[in-house]
């Protein structure tokens, strides 16, 4: 087969050591086609020393669009002229056969806009492969649990679909808290054709307690509402809607907002009657005299983005 050219967008911010490891893993790909990497520095000065030519060139540039991951990724997409575009966040690492396996999967499904692969979530003491159990992922599965296993560092997308007038489009840069832009892109792509998925953990994703693109609980709720307004099917799929509406319940409780938590709780029950029939009880907002209040857990994050949550 004729191997298509692949451009790789690596957004980064103040993580030079991890970035070099990510770039080394990309360079170690056993992919026989042309490979061009664009490193996009977000909200920091670019390190021009990484710029290089050769068979696998690396181009360095700053984020020329809205600050954040989506703007950085879109800057990289528009700087490339490759057939396909892949994404790798600066703390993640690809296994050597990642691109080859995905390109072969897309060659067998010419209508597909996007291919993904399974990932392995890693922390200091834990490794967890995130398998989907399927090779084709349709819109309905993306409304449910499948979304938890799909990470942007596994995405491989046909560039014309990202930039052309009739494709799925660029990453949305207006997502509240810079959250859910990955899920949004997956849903847009899956409306056109199922996602081609290589169900092997070909990307190592580091899990961090919090990162540069972390977000607060209010942003989580706003972002979920943003998704429901853009994708009515999220609200229309009963199990998926129940699952997503149950998340603001927990987030509101963590913030000590009992009234909103109760509203989200009953909304979730309307979509899924299997849950408990009692309203959630908010934790006390003030410690008793002489007692200490435990610290409120912060959101998880990784490319440091907050979507790096262990399921």
C-alpha atoms as a PDB file:
ATOM      1  CA  UNK A   1       0.000   0.000   0.000  1.00  0.00           C
ATOM      2  CA  UNK A   2       1.017   3.626  -0.399  1.00  0.00           C
ATOM      3  CA  UNK A   3       1.547   4.991   3.085  1.00  0.00           C
ATOM      4  CA  UNK A   4      -0.074   8.398   3.630  1.00  0.00           C
ATOM      5  CA  UNK A   5       1.910  11.237   5.162  1.00  0.00           C
ATOM      6  CA  UNK A   6       1.231  11.852   8.857  1.00  0.00           C
ATOM      7  CA  UNK A   7       1.576  15.093  10.776  1.00  0.00           C
ATOM      8  CA  UNK A   8       1.769  14.948  14.564  1.00  0.00           C
ATOM      9  CA  UNK A   9       0.622  17.838  16.743  1.00  0.00           C
ATOM     10  CA  UNK A  10       2.219  18.000  20.198  1.00  0.00           C
ATOM     11  CA  UNK A  11       0.834  20.787  22.431  1.00  0.00           C
ATOM     12  CA  UNK A  12       3.105  21.629  25.341  1.00  0.00           C
ATOM     13  CA  UNK A  13       3.637  23.996  28.225  1.00  0.00           C
ATOM     14  CA  UNK A  14       6.600  24.071  30.626  1.00  0.00           C
ATOM     15  CA  UNK A  15       7.407  20.338  30.596  1.00  0.00           C
ATOM     16  CA  UNK A  16      10.674  20.056  28.632  1.00  0.00           C
ATOM     17  CA  UNK A  17      11.768  16.671  29.997  1.00  0.00           C
ATOM     18  CA  UNK A  18       8.438  14.967  29.366  1.00  0.00           C
ATOM     19  CA  UNK A  19       8.200  16.649  25.967  1.00  0.00           C
ATOM     20  CA  UNK A  20      11.527  15.171  24.870  1.00  0.00           C
ATOM     21  CA  UNK A  21      10.358  11.708  25.928  1.00  0.00           C
ATOM     22  CA  UNK A  22       7.166  12.144  23.917  1.00  0.00           C
ATOM     23  CA  UNK A  23       9.167  13.289  20.878  1.00  0.00           C
ATOM     24  CA  UNK A  24      11.582  10.356  21.215  1.00  0.00           C
ATOM     25  CA  UNK A  25       8.635   7.935  21.231  1.00  0.00           C
ATOM     26  CA  UNK A  26       7.205   9.558  18.099  1.00  0.00           C
ATOM     27  CA  UNK A  27      10.576   9.374  16.408  1.00  0.00           C
ATOM     28  CA  UNK A  28      10.763   5.653  17.312  1.00  0.00           C
ATOM     29  CA  UNK A  29       7.642   4.850  15.266  1.00  0.00           C
ATOM     30  CA  UNK A  30       8.171   2.014  12.811  1.00  0.00           C
ATOM     31  CA  UNK A  31       5.901   3.807  10.359  1.00  0.00           C
ATOM     32  CA  UNK A  32       7.236   3.625   6.764  1.00  0.00           C
ATOM     33  CA  UNK A  33       5.527   6.803   5.522  1.00  0.00           C
ATOM     34  CA  UNK A  34       6.469  10.466   5.864  1.00  0.00           C
ATOM     35  CA  UNK A  35       6.224  11.899   9.367  1.00  0.00           C
ATOM     36  CA  UNK A  36       6.281  15.585  10.363  1.00  0.00           C
ATOM     37  CA  UNK A  37       5.950  16.805  13.967  1.00  0.00           C
ATOM     38  CA  UNK A  38       4.685  20.247  14.984  1.00  0.00           C
ATOM     39  CA  UNK A  39       5.313  21.223  18.615  1.00  0.00           C
ATOM     40  CA  UNK A  40       2.968  24.026  19.706  1.00  0.00           C
ATOM     41  CA  UNK A  41       3.875  25.976  22.828  1.00  0.00           C
ATOM     42  CA  UNK A  42       0.810  27.259  24.660  1.00  0.00           C
ATOM     43  CA  UNK A  43       1.141  30.455  26.738  1.00  0.00           C
ATOM     44  CA  UNK A  44       4.933  30.127  26.999  1.00  0.00           C
ATOM     45  CA  UNK A  45       7.894  31.053  24.814  1.00  0.00           C
ATOM     46  CA  UNK A  46       8.674  28.351  22.213  1.00  0.00           C
ATOM     47  CA  UNK A  47      11.998  26.524  22.449  1.00  0.00           C
ATOM     48  CA  UNK A  48      13.417  26.909  18.941  1.00  0.00           C
ATOM     49  CA  UNK A  49      16.238  24.470  19.753  1.00  0.00           C
ATOM     50  CA  UNK A  50      13.841  21.588  19.075  1.00  0.00           C
ATOM     51  CA  UNK A  51      13.306  22.731  15.489  1.00  0.00           C
ATOM     52  CA  UNK A  52      15.023  20.403  13.001  1.00  0.00           C
ATOM     53  CA  UNK A  53      14.904  19.196   9.416  1.00  0.00           C
ATOM     54  CA  UNK A  54      15.687  15.769   7.989  1.00  0.00           C
ATOM     55  CA  UNK A  55      13.510  12.803   7.124  1.00  0.00           C
ATOM     56  CA  UNK A  56      11.289  13.397  10.152  1.00  0.00           C
ATOM     57  CA  UNK A  57      11.293  17.158  10.668  1.00  0.00           C
ATOM     58  CA  UNK A  58      10.157  18.916  13.840  1.00  0.00           C
ATOM     59  CA  UNK A  59       8.647  22.403  13.562  1.00  0.00           C
ATOM     60  CA  UNK A  60       8.279  24.599  16.642  1.00  0.00           C
ATOM     61  CA  UNK A  61       5.740  27.398  16.935  1.00  0.00           C
ATOM     62  CA  UNK A  62       3.607  29.242  19.449  1.00  0.00           C
ATOM     63  CA  UNK A  63      -0.141  28.946  19.847  1.00  0.00           C
ATOM     64  CA  UNK A  64      -1.625  31.416  17.360  1.00  0.00           C
ATOM     65  CA  UNK A  65      -5.227  30.884  18.400  1.00  0.00           C
ATOM     66  CA  UNK A  66      -7.191  30.859  21.651  1.00  0.00           C
ATOM     67  CA  UNK A  67      -5.074  29.938  24.673  1.00  0.00           C
ATOM     68  CA  UNK A  68      -5.469  26.314  25.743  1.00  0.00           C
ATOM     69  CA  UNK A  69      -5.261  22.817  24.358  1.00  0.00           C
ATOM     70  CA  UNK A  70      -7.840  23.210  21.604  1.00  0.00           C
ATOM     71  CA  UNK A  71      -6.223  26.365  20.241  1.00  0.00           C
ATOM     72  CA  UNK A  72      -2.774  24.775  20.379  1.00  0.00           C
ATOM     73  CA  UNK A  73      -3.981  21.678  18.536  1.00  0.00           C
ATOM     74  CA  UNK A  74      -5.735  23.766  15.896  1.00  0.00           C
ATOM     75  CA  UNK A  75      -2.580  25.828  15.392  1.00  0.00           C
ATOM     76  CA  UNK A  76      -0.698  22.611  14.663  1.00  0.00           C
ATOM     77  CA  UNK A  77      -3.388  21.258  12.326  1.00  0.00           C
ATOM     78  CA  UNK A  78      -3.347  24.419  10.230  1.00  0.00           C
ATOM     79  CA  UNK A  79       0.466  24.391  10.064  1.00  0.00           C
ATOM     80  CA  UNK A  80       0.505  20.928   8.487  1.00  0.00           C
ATOM     81  CA  UNK A  81      -0.218  19.751   4.951  1.00  0.00           C
ATOM     82  CA  UNK A  82      -0.142  16.004   5.645  1.00  0.00           C
ATOM     83  CA  UNK A  83      -2.773  13.444   4.659  1.00  0.00           C
ATOM     84  CA  UNK A  84      -3.453  12.487   8.275  1.00  0.00           C
ATOM     85  CA  UNK A  85      -3.037  14.306  11.579  1.00  0.00           C
ATOM     86  CA  UNK A  86      -2.251  12.604  14.879  1.00  0.00           C
ATOM     87  CA  UNK A  87      -2.143  14.116  18.350  1.00  0.00           C
ATOM     88  CA  UNK A  88       0.161  13.418  21.278  1.00  0.00           C
ATOM     89  CA  UNK A  89       0.095  15.395  24.493  1.00  0.00           C
ATOM     90  CA  UNK A  90       3.463  16.278  25.921  1.00  0.00           C
ATOM     91  CA  UNK A  91       3.461  13.801  28.823  1.00  0.00           C
ATOM     92  CA  UNK A  92       2.215  10.816  26.819  1.00  0.00           C
ATOM     93  CA  UNK A  93       4.237   8.224  24.900  1.00  0.00           C
ATOM     94  CA  UNK A  94       3.384   6.121  21.866  1.00  0.00           C
ATOM     95  CA  UNK A  95       4.408   2.520  21.386  1.00  0.00           C
ATOM     96  CA  UNK A  96       6.431   1.941  18.172  1.00  0.00           C
ATOM     97  CA  UNK A  97       3.617   0.270  16.200  1.00  0.00           C
ATOM     98  CA  UNK A  98       0.907   2.796  17.002  1.00  0.00           C
ATOM     99  CA  UNK A  99       0.737   4.725  13.740  1.00  0.00           C
ATOM    100  CA  UNK A 100       1.162   1.704  11.475  1.00  0.00           C
ATOM    101  CA  UNK A 101      -1.705  -0.174  13.144  1.00  0.00           C
ATOM    102  CA  UNK A 102      -4.036   2.813  12.922  1.00  0.00           C
ATOM    103  CA  UNK A 103      -3.192   3.690   9.317  1.00  0.00           C
ATOM    104  CA  UNK A 104      -3.902   0.091   8.316  1.00  0.00           C
ATOM    105  CA  UNK A 105      -7.249   0.253  10.142  1.00  0.00           C
ATOM    106  CA  UNK A 106      -8.202   3.470   8.350  1.00  0.00           C
ATOM    107  CA  UNK A 107      -7.126   2.057   4.977  1.00  0.00           C
ATOM    108  CA  UNK A 108      -9.664  -0.731   5.511  1.00  0.00           C
ATOM    109  CA  UNK A 109     -12.404   1.801   6.323  1.00  0.00           C
ATOM    110  CA  UNK A 110     -12.139   4.634   3.781  1.00  0.00           C
ATOM    111  CA  UNK A 111     -15.294   6.371   5.068  1.00  0.00           C
ATOM    112  CA  UNK A 112     -13.927   6.774   8.586  1.00  0.00           C
ATOM    113  CA  UNK A 113     -12.640  10.214   9.552  1.00  0.00           C
ATOM    114  CA  UNK A 114     -10.994   9.230  12.810  1.00  0.00           C
ATOM    115  CA  UNK A 115      -9.119   6.278  14.291  1.00  0.00           C
ATOM    116  CA  UNK A 116      -8.282   5.708  17.932  1.00  0.00           C
ATOM    117  CA  UNK A 117      -6.513   3.050  19.956  1.00  0.00           C
ATOM    118  CA  UNK A 118      -6.583   1.787  23.500  1.00  0.00           C
ATOM    119  CA  UNK A 119      -4.354   3.421  26.089  1.00  0.00           C
ATOM    120  CA  UNK A 120      -2.597   2.384  29.270  1.00  0.00           C
ATOM    121  CA  UNK A 121      -3.166   4.761  32.180  1.00  0.00           C
ATOM    122  CA  UNK A 122      -0.102   4.915  34.381  1.00  0.00           C
ATOM    123  CA  UNK A 123       0.723   6.525  37.688  1.00  0.00           C
ATOM    124  CA  UNK A 124       3.616   6.004  40.072  1.00  0.00           C
ATOM    125  CA  UNK A 125       2.252   2.711  41.407  1.00  0.00           C
ATOM    126  CA  UNK A 126      -0.477   1.733  38.970  1.00  0.00           C
ATOM    127  CA  UNK A 127      -0.954   0.644  35.367  1.00  0.00           C
ATOM    128  CA  UNK A 128      -4.376   0.141  33.877  1.00  0.00           C
ATOM    129  CA  UNK A 129      -5.056  -0.798  30.223  1.00  0.00           C
ATOM    130  CA  UNK A 130      -8.262   0.848  29.012  1.00  0.00           C
ATOM    131  CA  UNK A 131      -9.816  -1.509  26.452  1.00  0.00           C
ATOM    132  CA  UNK A 132     -13.089  -0.937  24.624  1.00  0.00           C
ATOM    133  CA  UNK A 133     -13.754  -4.463  23.361  1.00  0.00           C
ATOM    134  CA  UNK A 134     -14.591  -3.315  19.823  1.00  0.00           C
ATOM    135  CA  UNK A 135     -12.916  -2.255  16.595  1.00  0.00           C
ATOM    136  CA  UNK A 136     -15.711   0.039  15.376  1.00  0.00           C
ATOM    137  CA  UNK A 137     -17.240   2.613  17.738  1.00  0.00           C
ATOM    138  CA  UNK A 138     -20.495   4.229  16.697  1.00  0.00           C
ATOM    139  CA  UNK A 139     -22.278   7.268  18.027  1.00  0.00           C
ATOM    140  CA  UNK A 140     -24.352   5.347  20.555  1.00  0.00           C
ATOM    141  CA  UNK A 141     -21.307   3.892  22.315  1.00  0.00           C
ATOM    142  CA  UNK A 142     -19.729   7.338  22.535  1.00  0.00           C
ATOM    143  CA  UNK A 143     -22.725   8.464  24.549  1.00  0.00           C
ATOM    144  CA  UNK A 144     -21.963   5.814  27.146  1.00  0.00           C
ATOM    145  CA  UNK A 145     -18.912   4.224  28.707  1.00  0.00           C
ATOM    146  CA  UNK A 146     -16.709   3.994  25.602  1.00  0.00           C
ATOM    147  CA  UNK A 147     -15.725   7.647  25.933  1.00  0.00           C
ATOM    148  CA  UNK A 148     -13.764   6.891  29.118  1.00  0.00           C
ATOM    149  CA  UNK A 149     -11.260   4.756  27.204  1.00  0.00           C
ATOM    150  CA  UNK A 150     -10.624   7.131  24.283  1.00  0.00           C
ATOM    151  CA  UNK A 151      -7.918   9.746  24.753  1.00  0.00           C
ATOM    152  CA  UNK A 152      -6.787  12.455  22.369  1.00  0.00           C
ATOM    153  CA  UNK A 153      -3.210  11.128  22.258  1.00  0.00           C
ATOM    154  CA  UNK A 154      -4.642   8.133  20.419  1.00  0.00           C
ATOM    155  CA  UNK A 155      -6.496  10.144  17.745  1.00  0.00           C
ATOM    156  CA  UNK A 156      -5.538   9.898  14.078  1.00  0.00           C
ATOM    157  CA  UNK A 157      -7.729  12.025  11.781  1.00  0.00           C
ATOM    158  CA  UNK A 158      -7.944  12.666   8.056  1.00  0.00           C
ATOM    159  CA  UNK A 159      -6.768  16.264   7.693  1.00  0.00           C
ATOM    160  CA  UNK A 160      -9.337  17.208   4.997  1.00  0.00           C
ATOM    161  CA  UNK A 161     -12.053  16.306   7.499  1.00  0.00           C
ATOM    162  CA  UNK A 162     -10.565  18.701  10.046  1.00  0.00           C
ATOM    163  CA  UNK A 163     -10.109  21.675   7.715  1.00  0.00           C
ATOM    164  CA  UNK A 164     -12.513  21.031   4.817  1.00  0.00           C
ATOM    165  CA  UNK A 165     -15.973  22.585   4.542  1.00  0.00           C
ATOM    166  CA  UNK A 166     -17.780  19.254   4.738  1.00  0.00           C
ATOM    167  CA  UNK A 167     -15.763  17.513   7.465  1.00  0.00           C
ATOM    168  CA  UNK A 168     -16.072  17.215  11.220  1.00  0.00           C
ATOM    169  CA  UNK A 169     -14.086  20.425  11.762  1.00  0.00           C
ATOM    170  CA  UNK A 170     -11.380  21.629  14.130  1.00  0.00           C
ATOM    171  CA  UNK A 171     -11.344  21.258  17.906  1.00  0.00           C
ATOM    172  CA  UNK A 172     -13.891  23.529  19.585  1.00  0.00           C
ATOM    173  CA  UNK A 173     -12.041  26.331  21.379  1.00  0.00           C
ATOM    174  CA  UNK A 174     -15.006  27.637  23.366  1.00  0.00           C
ATOM    175  CA  UNK A 175     -15.550  24.655  25.679  1.00  0.00           C
ATOM    176  CA  UNK A 176     -15.949  25.912  29.281  1.00  0.00           C
ATOM    177  CA  UNK A 177     -12.928  25.045  31.377  1.00  0.00           C
ATOM    178  CA  UNK A 178     -11.219  23.645  28.274  1.00  0.00           C
ATOM    179  CA  UNK A 179     -13.052  20.367  28.848  1.00  0.00           C
ATOM    180  CA  UNK A 180     -14.906  17.953  26.550  1.00  0.00           C
ATOM    181  CA  UNK A 181     -13.419  19.226  23.289  1.00  0.00           C
ATOM    182  CA  UNK A 182     -12.155  15.669  22.661  1.00  0.00           C
ATOM    183  CA  UNK A 183     -15.597  14.137  23.257  1.00  0.00           C
ATOM    184  CA  UNK A 184     -17.138  16.831  21.065  1.00  0.00           C
ATOM    185  CA  UNK A 185     -14.798  15.980  18.171  1.00  0.00           C
ATOM    186  CA  UNK A 186     -15.461  12.248  18.559  1.00  0.00           C
ATOM    187  CA  UNK A 187     -19.229  12.771  18.353  1.00  0.00           C
ATOM    188  CA  UNK A 188     -18.908  14.972  15.280  1.00  0.00           C
ATOM    189  CA  UNK A 189     -16.707  12.390  13.566  1.00  0.00           C
ATOM    190  CA  UNK A 190     -18.937   9.463  14.561  1.00  0.00           C
ATOM    191  CA  UNK A 191     -21.981  11.154  13.028  1.00  0.00           C
ATOM    192  CA  UNK A 192     -20.265  10.743   9.665  1.00  0.00           C
ATOM    193  CA  UNK A 193     -18.887   7.211  10.157  1.00  0.00           C
ATOM    194  CA  UNK A 194     -17.955   4.926  13.063  1.00  0.00           C
ATOM    195  CA  UNK A 195     -14.598   5.494  14.759  1.00  0.00           C
ATOM    196  CA  UNK A 196     -12.022   2.888  13.717  1.00  0.00           C
ATOM    197  CA  UNK A 197     -10.436   1.548  16.877  1.00  0.00           C
ATOM    198  CA  UNK A 198      -7.310  -0.543  17.456  1.00  0.00           C
ATOM    199  CA  UNK A 199      -8.070  -2.182  20.788  1.00  0.00           C
ATOM    200  CA  UNK A 200      -4.472  -2.508  21.938  1.00  0.00           C
ATOM    201  CA  UNK A 201      -2.842  -0.184  24.501  1.00  0.00           C
ATOM    202  CA  UNK A 202      -0.519   1.602  22.068  1.00  0.00           C
ATOM    203  CA  UNK A 203      -0.336   4.862  24.039  1.00  0.00           C
ATOM    204  CA  UNK A 204       0.972   5.337  27.545  1.00  0.00           C
ATOM    205  CA  UNK A 205      -1.026   8.062  29.288  1.00  0.00           C
ATOM    206  CA  UNK A 206       0.309   9.458  32.524  1.00  0.00           C
ATOM    207  CA  UNK A 207      -2.280  10.185  35.180  1.00  0.00           C
ATOM    208  CA  UNK A 208      -1.652  13.306  37.248  1.00  0.00           C
ATOM    209  CA  UNK A 209      -3.441  14.653  40.335  1.00  0.00           C
ATOM    210  CA  UNK A 210      -3.680  18.001  38.548  1.00  0.00           C
ATOM    211  CA  UNK A 211      -2.104  19.621  35.512  1.00  0.00           C
ATOM    212  CA  UNK A 212      -1.871  22.797  33.477  1.00  0.00           C
ATOM    213  CA  UNK A 213      -5.280  22.226  31.936  1.00  0.00           C
ATOM    214  CA  UNK A 214      -7.079  21.237  35.118  1.00  0.00           C
ATOM    215  CA  UNK A 215     -10.457  22.788  35.849  1.00  0.00           C
ATOM    216  CA  UNK A 216     -12.769  23.569  38.698  1.00  0.00           C
ATOM    217  CA  UNK A 217     -16.022  21.820  39.444  1.00  0.00           C
ATOM    218  CA  UNK A 218     -18.110  24.750  38.176  1.00  0.00           C
ATOM    219  CA  UNK A 219     -16.315  24.395  34.850  1.00  0.00           C
ATOM    220  CA  UNK A 220     -17.181  20.711  34.744  1.00  0.00           C
ATOM    221  CA  UNK A 221     -20.866  21.484  35.109  1.00  0.00           C
ATOM    222  CA  UNK A 222     -20.743  24.303  32.553  1.00  0.00           C
ATOM    223  CA  UNK A 223     -18.890  22.102  30.105  1.00  0.00           C
ATOM    224  CA  UNK A 224     -21.432  19.307  30.427  1.00  0.00           C
ATOM    225  CA  UNK A 225     -24.242  21.768  29.737  1.00  0.00           C
ATOM    226  CA  UNK A 226     -22.245  23.018  26.743  1.00  0.00           C
ATOM    227  CA  UNK A 227     -22.032  19.462  25.405  1.00  0.00           C
ATOM    228  CA  UNK A 228     -25.753  18.867  25.849  1.00  0.00           C
ATOM    229  CA  UNK A 229     -26.529  22.067  23.956  1.00  0.00           C
ATOM    230  CA  UNK A 230     -24.247  21.062  21.063  1.00  0.00           C
ATOM    231  CA  UNK A 231     -25.250  17.407  20.993  1.00  0.00           C
ATOM    232  CA  UNK A 232     -28.926  16.783  21.795  1.00  0.00           C
ATOM    233  CA  UNK A 233     -28.282  13.045  21.573  1.00  0.00           C
ATOM    234  CA  UNK A 234     -26.292  13.268  24.826  1.00  0.00           C
ATOM    235  CA  UNK A 235     -29.504  14.273  26.584  1.00  0.00           C
ATOM    236  CA  UNK A 236     -31.639  11.938  24.494  1.00  0.00           C
ATOM    237  CA  UNK A 237     -29.691   8.739  25.280  1.00  0.00           C
ATOM    238  CA  UNK A 238     -31.196   7.717  28.622  1.00  0.00           C
ATOM    239  CA  UNK A 239     -28.279   5.754  30.158  1.00  0.00           C
ATOM    240  CA  UNK A 240     -25.689   8.205  28.861  1.00  0.00           C
ATOM    241  CA  UNK A 241     -27.683  11.211  30.013  1.00  0.00           C
ATOM    242  CA  UNK A 242     -28.185   9.664  33.440  1.00  0.00           C
ATOM    243  CA  UNK A 243     -24.490   8.972  33.770  1.00  0.00           C
ATOM    244  CA  UNK A 244     -23.508  12.476  32.666  1.00  0.00           C
ATOM    245  CA  UNK A 245     -26.163  14.147  34.812  1.00  0.00           C
ATOM    246  CA  UNK A 246     -25.011  12.174  37.843  1.00  0.00           C
ATOM    247  CA  UNK A 247     -21.544  13.740  37.541  1.00  0.00           C
ATOM    248  CA  UNK A 248     -22.718  17.291  38.371  1.00  0.00           C
ATOM    249  CA  UNK A 249     -24.430  15.796  41.429  1.00  0.00           C
ATOM    250  CA  UNK A 250     -21.067  14.695  42.783  1.00  0.00           C
ATOM    251  CA  UNK A 251     -19.297  17.879  41.689  1.00  0.00           C
ATOM    252  CA  UNK A 252     -21.943  20.106  43.323  1.00  0.00           C
ATOM    253  CA  UNK A 253     -21.692  18.120  46.550  1.00  0.00           C
ATOM    254  CA  UNK A 254     -17.931  18.514  46.599  1.00  0.00           C
ATOM    255  CA  UNK A 255     -18.469  22.263  46.344  1.00  0.00           C
ATOM    256  CA  UNK A 256     -21.057  22.157  49.120  1.00  0.00           C
ATOM    257  CA  UNK A 257     -23.891  23.203  46.787  1.00  0.00           C
ATOM    258  CA  UNK A 258     -26.724  21.011  47.972  1.00  0.00           C
ATOM    259  CA  UNK A 259     -29.600  22.576  46.012  1.00  0.00           C
ATOM    260  CA  UNK A 260     -28.010  22.169  42.544  1.00  0.00           C
ATOM    261  CA  UNK A 261     -26.889  18.668  43.502  1.00  0.00           C
ATOM    262  CA  UNK A 262     -30.479  17.700  44.255  1.00  0.00           C
ATOM    263  CA  UNK A 263     -31.680  19.010  40.867  1.00  0.00           C
ATOM    264  CA  UNK A 264     -29.000  17.037  39.009  1.00  0.00           C
ATOM    265  CA  UNK A 265     -29.788  13.943  41.081  1.00  0.00           C
ATOM    266  CA  UNK A 266     -33.478  13.931  40.110  1.00  0.00           C
ATOM    267  CA  UNK A 267     -32.607  14.667  36.468  1.00  0.00           C
ATOM    268  CA  UNK A 268     -30.388  11.590  36.459  1.00  0.00           C
ATOM    269  CA  UNK A 269     -33.126   9.463  37.975  1.00  0.00           C
ATOM    270  CA  UNK A 270     -35.562  10.545  35.278  1.00  0.00           C
ATOM    271  CA  UNK A 271     -33.214   8.993  32.725  1.00  0.00           C
ATOM    272  CA  UNK A 272     -32.222   5.938  34.726  1.00  0.00           C
ATOM    273  CA  UNK A 273     -34.603   4.540  37.311  1.00  0.00           C
ATOM    274  CA  UNK A 274     -32.035   2.126  38.701  1.00  0.00           C
ATOM    275  CA  UNK A 275     -30.472   4.697  41.047  1.00  0.00           C
ATOM    276  CA  UNK A 276     -31.411   5.297  44.682  1.00  0.00           C
ATOM    277  CA  UNK A 277     -34.697   7.104  45.258  1.00  0.00           C
ATOM    278  CA  UNK A 278     -33.384   9.411  47.957  1.00  0.00           C
ATOM    279  CA  UNK A 279     -31.994  12.858  47.352  1.00  0.00           C
ATOM    280  CA  UNK A 280     -28.254  13.289  47.926  1.00  0.00           C
ATOM    281  CA  UNK A 281     -27.153  14.794  51.201  1.00  0.00           C
ATOM    282  CA  UNK A 282     -24.541  17.529  50.957  1.00  0.00           C
ATOM    283  CA  UNK A 283     -21.525  17.239  53.252  1.00  0.00           C
ATOM    284  CA  UNK A 284     -21.359  19.765  56.113  1.00  0.00           C
ATOM    285  CA  UNK A 285     -19.838  23.045  55.024  1.00  0.00           C
ATOM    286  CA  UNK A 286     -18.430  23.930  58.437  1.00  0.00           C
ATOM    287  CA  UNK A 287     -16.414  21.772  60.808  1.00  0.00           C
ATOM    288  CA  UNK A 288     -17.655  21.269  64.344  1.00  0.00           C
ATOM    289  CA  UNK A 289     -15.911  23.277  67.030  1.00  0.00           C
ATOM    290  CA  UNK A 290     -12.429  21.941  67.597  1.00  0.00           C
ATOM    291  CA  UNK A 291     -12.573  19.631  64.577  1.00  0.00           C
ATOM    292  CA  UNK A 292     -10.675  19.922  61.356  1.00  0.00           C
ATOM    293  CA  UNK A 293     -12.269  19.946  57.925  1.00  0.00           C
ATOM    294  CA  UNK A 294     -10.753  17.479  55.460  1.00  0.00           C
ATOM    295  CA  UNK A 295      -9.328  19.019  52.321  1.00  0.00           C
ATOM    296  CA  UNK A 296     -11.656  19.028  49.354  1.00  0.00           C
ATOM    297  CA  UNK A 297     -10.245  16.797  46.641  1.00  0.00           C
ATOM    298  CA  UNK A 298      -9.310  18.697  43.512  1.00  0.00           C
ATOM    299  CA  UNK A 299     -10.117  17.591  39.973  1.00  0.00           C
ATOM    300  CA  UNK A 300      -7.887  15.180  38.163  1.00  0.00           C
ATOM    301  CA  UNK A 301      -6.005  16.420  35.127  1.00  0.00           C
ATOM    302  CA  UNK A 302      -3.340  15.567  32.688  1.00  0.00           C
ATOM    303  CA  UNK A 303      -1.531  17.096  29.426  1.00  0.00           C
ATOM    304  CA  UNK A 304      -1.974  17.708  32.225  1.00  0.00           C
ATOM    305  CA  UNK A 305      -5.660  17.778  31.619  1.00  0.00           C
ATOM    306  CA  UNK A 306      -8.525  17.040  33.831  1.00  0.00           C
ATOM    307  CA  UNK A 307      -9.902  14.353  31.583  1.00  0.00           C
ATOM    308  CA  UNK A 308      -7.226  12.006  32.941  1.00  0.00           C
ATOM    309  CA  UNK A 309      -9.631  10.427  35.414  1.00  0.00           C
ATOM    310  CA  UNK A 310      -9.267   6.795  36.322  1.00  0.00           C
ATOM    311  CA  UNK A 311     -12.677   5.239  35.650  1.00  0.00           C
END
